[in-house]
Amino acid sequence: MSALRLVAFDLDGTLTRGLTCLEALAQRFDVVDQVARWEQARSEAEITAVRQGVWHLLGARAIEDQAGHFRGISLAPGAAEGIRLLHQAGVQTVIVSLAFEIHVRWFARLLGIDHVIATEVSNSGTFQHVFPSTKPTLLAGHAATVGVDLSETAAVGDSFGDVPMLAAVGTSVYLGSAPPEGFTATWHLPHAGIDAVADRLLNNR
């Protein structure tokens, strides 16, 4: 097994537990119905349409106004400690998420994660989307930029939408209750804390 040099994390349900970023914002800004539709969207066309609608509702609000409501979202057990352990071992970290980049970056700063790959919206309203199917390509591009091969990369996720990324790397960790049919992770650690994930990646490869 290749040496570990990079770990990619999903955000909602992986680094955080309970409410997603958008669910927390939906409760605060009374857009619960619109965000509920996002959570049910599966095709790229559906995700795109709902994402644009949610951005229209939330995007005009300052990120400071939005981020204040992220403090009510629970971090995964051992999240800060797990990231610290990886960094101490010289392993880089990145969040790869379908969520909006400005939201994901708030959690990256909170946890000290090195990089973010997430849906970006330009000042002119142009979207650079992240979909489950594009996570592997985007992660591969990032890994190449920092001089890391995917065989030296681990990915951690909790849902069907993470499977393309998990399947593309050298080591995969699945935190959901049961892996999707047809997918076998390197390690299945249901609902594990991030410190336990880091320990497994660093000491049981």
C-alpha atoms as a PDB file:
ATOM      1  CA  MET A   1       0.000   0.000   0.000  1.00  0.00           C
ATOM      2  CA  SER A   2       1.392   3.403  -1.000  1.00  0.00           C
ATOM      3  CA  ALA A   3       2.415   5.964   1.595  1.00  0.00           C
ATOM      4  CA  LEU A   4      -0.416   8.265   2.659  1.00  0.00           C
ATOM      5  CA  ARG A   5       0.095  11.874   1.557  1.00  0.00           C
ATOM      6  CA  LEU A   6      -3.403  13.338   1.092  1.00  0.00           C
ATOM      7  CA  VAL A   7      -6.820  12.753   2.674  1.00  0.00           C
ATOM      8  CA  ALA A   8     -10.017  14.047   1.044  1.00  0.00           C
ATOM      9  CA  PHE A   9     -13.107  14.457   3.203  1.00  0.00           C
ATOM     10  CA  ASP A  10     -16.735  14.956   2.325  1.00  0.00           C
ATOM     11  CA  LEU A  11     -18.314  17.640   4.530  1.00  0.00           C
ATOM     12  CA  ASP A  12     -21.981  17.016   5.399  1.00  0.00           C
ATOM     13  CA  GLY A  13     -22.345  13.755   7.330  1.00  0.00           C
ATOM     14  CA  THR A  14     -18.603  13.155   7.384  1.00  0.00           C
ATOM     15  CA  LEU A  15     -16.839  16.096   9.026  1.00  0.00           C
ATOM     16  CA  THR A  16     -20.181  17.277  10.413  1.00  0.00           C
ATOM     17  CA  ARG A  17     -23.104  15.317  11.810  1.00  0.00           C
ATOM     18  CA  GLY A  18     -26.807  16.109  12.032  1.00  0.00           C
ATOM     19  CA  LEU A  19     -27.928  19.205  10.118  1.00  0.00           C
ATOM     20  CA  THR A  20     -26.232  19.976   6.815  1.00  0.00           C
ATOM     21  CA  CYS A  21     -25.028  23.506   6.056  1.00  0.00           C
ATOM     22  CA  LEU A  22     -28.081  24.244   3.977  1.00  0.00           C
ATOM     23  CA  GLU A  23     -30.521  22.708   6.430  1.00  0.00           C
ATOM     24  CA  ALA A  24     -29.182  25.015   9.132  1.00  0.00           C
ATOM     25  CA  LEU A  25     -29.532  28.031   6.845  1.00  0.00           C
ATOM     26  CA  ALA A  26     -32.964  26.924   5.708  1.00  0.00           C
ATOM     27  CA  GLN A  27     -34.264  26.959   9.259  1.00  0.00           C
ATOM     28  CA  ARG A  28     -32.875  30.433   9.847  1.00  0.00           C
ATOM     29  CA  PHE A  29     -33.970  32.049   6.590  1.00  0.00           C
ATOM     30  CA  ASP A  30     -37.278  30.195   6.124  1.00  0.00           C
ATOM     31  CA  VAL A  31     -36.383  28.329   2.934  1.00  0.00           C
ATOM     32  CA  VAL A  32     -36.913  24.834   4.324  1.00  0.00           C
ATOM     33  CA  ASP A  33     -38.987  23.608   1.376  1.00  0.00           C
ATOM     34  CA  GLN A  34     -36.431  24.688  -1.212  1.00  0.00           C
ATOM     35  CA  VAL A  35     -33.528  23.103   0.634  1.00  0.00           C
ATOM     36  CA  ALA A  36     -35.502  19.900   1.221  1.00  0.00           C
ATOM     37  CA  ARG A  37     -35.772  19.617  -2.567  1.00  0.00           C
ATOM     38  CA  TRP A  38     -31.979  19.887  -2.849  1.00  0.00           C
ATOM     39  CA  GLU A  39     -31.547  17.047  -0.388  1.00  0.00           C
ATOM     40  CA  GLN A  40     -33.758  14.836  -2.584  1.00  0.00           C
ATOM     41  CA  ALA A  41     -32.161  15.823  -5.908  1.00  0.00           C
ATOM     42  CA  ARG A  42     -30.150  13.063  -7.572  1.00  0.00           C
ATOM     43  CA  SER A  43     -29.525  13.862 -11.247  1.00  0.00           C
ATOM     44  CA  GLU A  44     -27.091  16.612 -12.212  1.00  0.00           C
ATOM     45  CA  ALA A  45     -29.918  18.540 -13.857  1.00  0.00           C
ATOM     46  CA  GLU A  46     -31.986  18.370 -10.663  1.00  0.00           C
ATOM     47  CA  ILE A  47     -29.029  19.365  -8.496  1.00  0.00           C
ATOM     48  CA  THR A  48     -28.213  22.286 -10.795  1.00  0.00           C
ATOM     49  CA  ALA A  49     -31.770  23.628 -10.818  1.00  0.00           C
ATOM     50  CA  VAL A  50     -32.228  23.425  -7.066  1.00  0.00           C
ATOM     51  CA  ARG A  51     -28.750  24.769  -6.356  1.00  0.00           C
ATOM     52  CA  GLN A  52     -29.382  27.844  -8.491  1.00  0.00           C
ATOM     53  CA  GLY A  53     -32.699  28.395  -6.756  1.00  0.00           C
ATOM     54  CA  VAL A  54     -31.165  28.128  -3.297  1.00  0.00           C
ATOM     55  CA  TRP A  55     -28.346  30.496  -4.265  1.00  0.00           C
ATOM     56  CA  HIS A  56     -30.892  33.008  -5.487  1.00  0.00           C
ATOM     57  CA  LEU A  57     -32.501  32.882  -2.045  1.00  0.00           C
ATOM     58  CA  LEU A  58     -29.318  32.879   0.043  1.00  0.00           C
ATOM     59  CA  GLY A  59     -26.559  34.309  -2.090  1.00  0.00           C
ATOM     60  CA  ALA A  60     -27.451  37.941  -1.496  1.00  0.00           C
ATOM     61  CA  ARG A  61     -26.976  37.511   2.242  1.00  0.00           C
ATOM     62  CA  ALA A  62     -23.501  38.261   3.559  1.00  0.00           C
ATOM     63  CA  ILE A  63     -21.482  35.178   4.402  1.00  0.00           C
ATOM     64  CA  GLU A  64     -21.059  36.589   7.908  1.00  0.00           C
ATOM     65  CA  ASP A  65     -24.851  36.482   8.308  1.00  0.00           C
ATOM     66  CA  GLN A  66     -24.955  32.910   7.047  1.00  0.00           C
ATOM     67  CA  ALA A  67     -21.914  31.551   8.863  1.00  0.00           C
ATOM     68  CA  GLY A  68     -23.179  32.564  12.279  1.00  0.00           C
ATOM     69  CA  HIS A  69     -25.750  29.792  11.949  1.00  0.00           C
ATOM     70  CA  PHE A  70     -23.144  27.123  11.190  1.00  0.00           C
ATOM     71  CA  ARG A  71     -22.119  27.188  14.839  1.00  0.00           C
ATOM     72  CA  GLY A  72     -25.200  25.124  15.597  1.00  0.00           C
ATOM     73  CA  ILE A  73     -23.988  22.311  13.353  1.00  0.00           C
ATOM     74  CA  SER A  74     -22.251  19.512  15.227  1.00  0.00           C
ATOM     75  CA  LEU A  75     -18.761  18.596  14.141  1.00  0.00           C
ATOM     76  CA  ALA A  76     -17.991  14.897  13.891  1.00  0.00           C
ATOM     77  CA  PRO A  77     -16.463  13.472  17.072  1.00  0.00           C
ATOM     78  CA  GLY A  78     -12.721  13.990  17.105  1.00  0.00           C
ATOM     79  CA  ALA A  79     -12.766  16.175  13.991  1.00  0.00           C
ATOM     80  CA  ALA A  80     -10.186  18.728  15.124  1.00  0.00           C
ATOM     81  CA  GLU A  81      -7.993  16.048  16.705  1.00  0.00           C
ATOM     82  CA  GLY A  82      -8.115  13.848  13.621  1.00  0.00           C
ATOM     83  CA  ILE A  83      -7.085  16.675  11.310  1.00  0.00           C
ATOM     84  CA  ARG A  84      -4.300  17.610  13.713  1.00  0.00           C
ATOM     85  CA  LEU A  85      -2.992  14.017  13.728  1.00  0.00           C
ATOM     86  CA  LEU A  86      -2.916  13.921   9.937  1.00  0.00           C
ATOM     87  CA  HIS A  87      -1.083  17.226   9.695  1.00  0.00           C
ATOM     88  CA  GLN A  88       1.436  16.165  12.327  1.00  0.00           C
ATOM     89  CA  ALA A  89       2.178  13.133  10.165  1.00  0.00           C
ATOM     90  CA  GLY A  90       2.770  15.371   7.145  1.00  0.00           C
ATOM     91  CA  VAL A  91      -0.492  14.432   5.417  1.00  0.00           C
ATOM     92  CA  GLN A  92      -2.343  17.142   3.500  1.00  0.00           C
ATOM     93  CA  THR A  93      -6.116  17.525   3.785  1.00  0.00           C
ATOM     94  CA  VAL A  94      -8.886  18.722   1.476  1.00  0.00           C
ATOM     95  CA  ILE A  95     -12.675  18.930   1.657  1.00  0.00           C
ATOM     96  CA  VAL A  96     -14.471  17.816  -1.526  1.00  0.00           C
ATOM     97  CA  SER A  97     -18.132  18.794  -1.304  1.00  0.00           C
ATOM     98  CA  LEU A  98     -21.175  19.552  -3.427  1.00  0.00           C
ATOM     99  CA  ALA A  99     -21.965  22.452  -1.080  1.00  0.00           C
ATOM    100  CA  PHE A 100     -21.192  26.086  -1.808  1.00  0.00           C
ATOM    101  CA  GLU A 101     -17.520  26.980  -1.537  1.00  0.00           C
ATOM    102  CA  ILE A 102     -18.118  29.905   0.813  1.00  0.00           C
ATOM    103  CA  HIS A 103     -19.883  27.587   3.247  1.00  0.00           C
ATOM    104  CA  VAL A 104     -17.312  24.800   2.982  1.00  0.00           C
ATOM    105  CA  ARG A 105     -14.436  27.214   3.474  1.00  0.00           C
ATOM    106  CA  TRP A 106     -15.904  28.295   6.830  1.00  0.00           C
ATOM    107  CA  PHE A 107     -15.554  24.728   8.117  1.00  0.00           C
ATOM    108  CA  ALA A 108     -12.119  24.349   6.529  1.00  0.00           C
ATOM    109  CA  ARG A 109     -10.906  27.377   8.460  1.00  0.00           C
ATOM    110  CA  LEU A 110     -12.517  26.103  11.644  1.00  0.00           C
ATOM    111  CA  LEU A 111     -10.742  22.745  11.384  1.00  0.00           C
ATOM    112  CA  GLY A 112      -7.516  23.953   9.777  1.00  0.00           C
ATOM    113  CA  ILE A 113      -8.037  21.925   6.602  1.00  0.00           C
ATOM    114  CA  ASP A 114      -5.609  22.825   3.838  1.00  0.00           C
ATOM    115  CA  HIS A 115      -7.787  23.065   0.736  1.00  0.00           C
ATOM    116  CA  VAL A 116     -11.393  23.178  -0.475  1.00  0.00           C
ATOM    117  CA  ILE A 117     -13.057  21.813  -3.610  1.00  0.00           C
ATOM    118  CA  ALA A 118     -16.709  22.880  -3.719  1.00  0.00           C
ATOM    119  CA  THR A 119     -19.319  24.612  -5.858  1.00  0.00           C
ATOM    120  CA  GLU A 120     -18.231  28.154  -6.657  1.00  0.00           C
ATOM    121  CA  VAL A 121     -20.366  31.077  -7.769  1.00  0.00           C
ATOM    122  CA  SER A 122     -18.693  34.055  -9.429  1.00  0.00           C
ATOM    123  CA  ASN A 123     -19.684  37.668  -8.875  1.00  0.00           C
ATOM    124  CA  SER A 124     -21.517  37.513 -12.200  1.00  0.00           C
ATOM    125  CA  GLY A 125     -23.549  34.519 -11.028  1.00  0.00           C
ATOM    126  CA  THR A 126     -21.716  31.865 -13.049  1.00  0.00           C
ATOM    127  CA  PHE A 127     -21.605  28.456 -11.359  1.00  0.00           C
ATOM    128  CA  GLN A 128     -18.674  26.065 -11.286  1.00  0.00           C
ATOM    129  CA  HIS A 129     -20.558  22.990 -10.137  1.00  0.00           C
ATOM    130  CA  VAL A 130     -19.333  20.008  -8.176  1.00  0.00           C
ATOM    131  CA  PHE A 131     -21.329  16.806  -8.698  1.00  0.00           C
ATOM    132  CA  PRO A 132     -20.772  13.282  -7.358  1.00  0.00           C
ATOM    133  CA  SER A 133     -19.526  12.273 -10.813  1.00  0.00           C
ATOM    134  CA  THR A 134     -16.982  15.123 -10.957  1.00  0.00           C
ATOM    135  CA  LYS A 135     -15.520  14.637  -7.492  1.00  0.00           C
ATOM    136  CA  PRO A 136     -12.894  12.108  -8.727  1.00  0.00           C
ATOM    137  CA  THR A 137     -11.681  14.335 -11.570  1.00  0.00           C
ATOM    138  CA  LEU A 138     -11.549  17.433  -9.382  1.00  0.00           C
ATOM    139  CA  LEU A 139      -9.715  15.558  -6.641  1.00  0.00           C
ATOM    140  CA  ALA A 140      -7.274  14.103  -9.179  1.00  0.00           C
ATOM    141  CA  GLY A 141      -6.549  17.586 -10.488  1.00  0.00           C
ATOM    142  CA  HIS A 142      -5.940  18.894  -6.993  1.00  0.00           C
ATOM    143  CA  ALA A 143      -3.724  15.929  -6.121  1.00  0.00           C
ATOM    144  CA  ALA A 144      -1.634  16.503  -9.238  1.00  0.00           C
ATOM    145  CA  THR A 145      -1.283  20.178  -8.340  1.00  0.00           C
ATOM    146  CA  VAL A 146       0.178  19.310  -4.934  1.00  0.00           C
ATOM    147  CA  GLY A 147       2.335  16.520  -6.356  1.00  0.00           C
ATOM    148  CA  VAL A 148       0.371  13.558  -4.985  1.00  0.00           C
ATOM    149  CA  ASP A 149      -0.780  10.447  -6.827  1.00  0.00           C
ATOM    150  CA  LEU A 150      -4.278   9.083  -6.214  1.00  0.00           C
ATOM    151  CA  SER A 151      -2.668   5.862  -4.979  1.00  0.00           C
ATOM    152  CA  GLU A 152      -1.244   7.992  -2.148  1.00  0.00           C
ATOM    153  CA  THR A 153      -4.656   9.517  -1.440  1.00  0.00           C
ATOM    154  CA  ALA A 154      -7.403   8.419   0.942  1.00  0.00           C
ATOM    155  CA  ALA A 155     -11.013   9.584   0.774  1.00  0.00           C
ATOM    156  CA  VAL A 156     -13.622   9.608   3.527  1.00  0.00           C
ATOM    157  CA  GLY A 157     -17.376   9.808   2.909  1.00  0.00           C
ATOM    158  CA  ASP A 158     -20.739   8.674   4.169  1.00  0.00           C
ATOM    159  CA  SER A 159     -23.191   8.480   1.277  1.00  0.00           C
ATOM    160  CA  PHE A 160     -23.889   7.194  -2.221  1.00  0.00           C
ATOM    161  CA  GLY A 161     -22.762  10.519  -3.659  1.00  0.00           C
ATOM    162  CA  ASP A 162     -19.266   9.982  -2.280  1.00  0.00           C
ATOM    163  CA  VAL A 163     -18.770   6.593  -3.945  1.00  0.00           C
ATOM    164  CA  PRO A 164     -17.218   7.886  -7.208  1.00  0.00           C
ATOM    165  CA  MET A 165     -14.540   9.707  -5.203  1.00  0.00           C
ATOM    166  CA  LEU A 166     -14.018   6.804  -2.816  1.00  0.00           C
ATOM    167  CA  ALA A 167     -13.619   4.383  -5.705  1.00  0.00           C
ATOM    168  CA  ALA A 168     -10.965   6.539  -7.370  1.00  0.00           C
ATOM    169  CA  VAL A 169      -8.376   6.637  -4.580  1.00  0.00           C
ATOM    170  CA  GLY A 170      -5.898   4.234  -3.038  1.00  0.00           C
ATOM    171  CA  THR A 171      -7.704   3.972   0.294  1.00  0.00           C
ATOM    172  CA  SER A 172     -11.401   4.545   0.996  1.00  0.00           C
ATOM    173  CA  VAL A 173     -13.224   4.923   4.303  1.00  0.00           C
ATOM    174  CA  TYR A 174     -17.008   4.709   4.375  1.00  0.00           C
ATOM    175  CA  LEU A 175     -18.760   6.120   7.449  1.00  0.00           C
ATOM    176  CA  GLY A 176     -22.382   5.463   6.514  1.00  0.00           C
ATOM    177  CA  SER A 177     -24.445   2.724   8.090  1.00  0.00           C
ATOM    178  CA  ALA A 178     -24.180   0.376   5.109  1.00  0.00           C
ATOM    179  CA  PRO A 179     -22.099   0.813   1.933  1.00  0.00           C
ATOM    180  CA  PRO A 180     -24.110   1.194  -1.275  1.00  0.00           C
ATOM    181  CA  GLU A 181     -24.669  -2.009  -3.211  1.00  0.00           C
ATOM    182  CA  GLY A 182     -21.704  -2.923  -5.388  1.00  0.00           C
ATOM    183  CA  PHE A 183     -19.187  -0.808  -3.486  1.00  0.00           C
ATOM    184  CA  THR A 184     -16.644  -2.147  -1.023  1.00  0.00           C
ATOM    185  CA  ALA A 185     -14.575   0.360   0.931  1.00  0.00           C
ATOM    186  CA  THR A 186     -11.091  -0.324   2.204  1.00  0.00           C
ATOM    187  CA  TRP A 187     -12.566   0.224   5.642  1.00  0.00           C
ATOM    188  CA  HIS A 188     -16.193   0.508   6.692  1.00  0.00           C
ATOM    189  CA  LEU A 189     -16.284   2.437   9.981  1.00  0.00           C
ATOM    190  CA  PRO A 190     -19.952   3.296  10.607  1.00  0.00           C
ATOM    191  CA  HIS A 191     -20.337   6.729  12.216  1.00  0.00           C
ATOM    192  CA  ALA A 192     -16.710   6.729  13.396  1.00  0.00           C
ATOM    193  CA  GLY A 193     -15.072   9.856  14.740  1.00  0.00           C
ATOM    194  CA  ILE A 194     -12.479  11.563  12.575  1.00  0.00           C
ATOM    195  CA  ASP A 195      -9.774  10.887  15.158  1.00  0.00           C
ATOM    196  CA  ALA A 196     -10.496   7.155  14.795  1.00  0.00           C
ATOM    197  CA  VAL A 197     -10.390   7.501  11.009  1.00  0.00           C
ATOM    198  CA  ALA A 198      -7.033   9.288  11.187  1.00  0.00           C
ATOM    199  CA  ASP A 199      -5.645   6.633  13.506  1.00  0.00           C
ATOM    200  CA  ARG A 200      -6.727   3.867  11.134  1.00  0.00           C
ATOM    201  CA  LEU A 201      -5.263   5.631   8.127  1.00  0.00           C
ATOM    202  CA  LEU A 202      -1.959   6.360   9.838  1.00  0.00           C
ATOM    203  CA  ASN A 203      -1.431   3.132  11.750  1.00  0.00           C
ATOM    204  CA  ASN A 204      -3.297   0.323  10.018  1.00  0.00           C
ATOM    205  CA  ARG A 205      -2.529   0.737   6.358  1.00  0.00           C
END
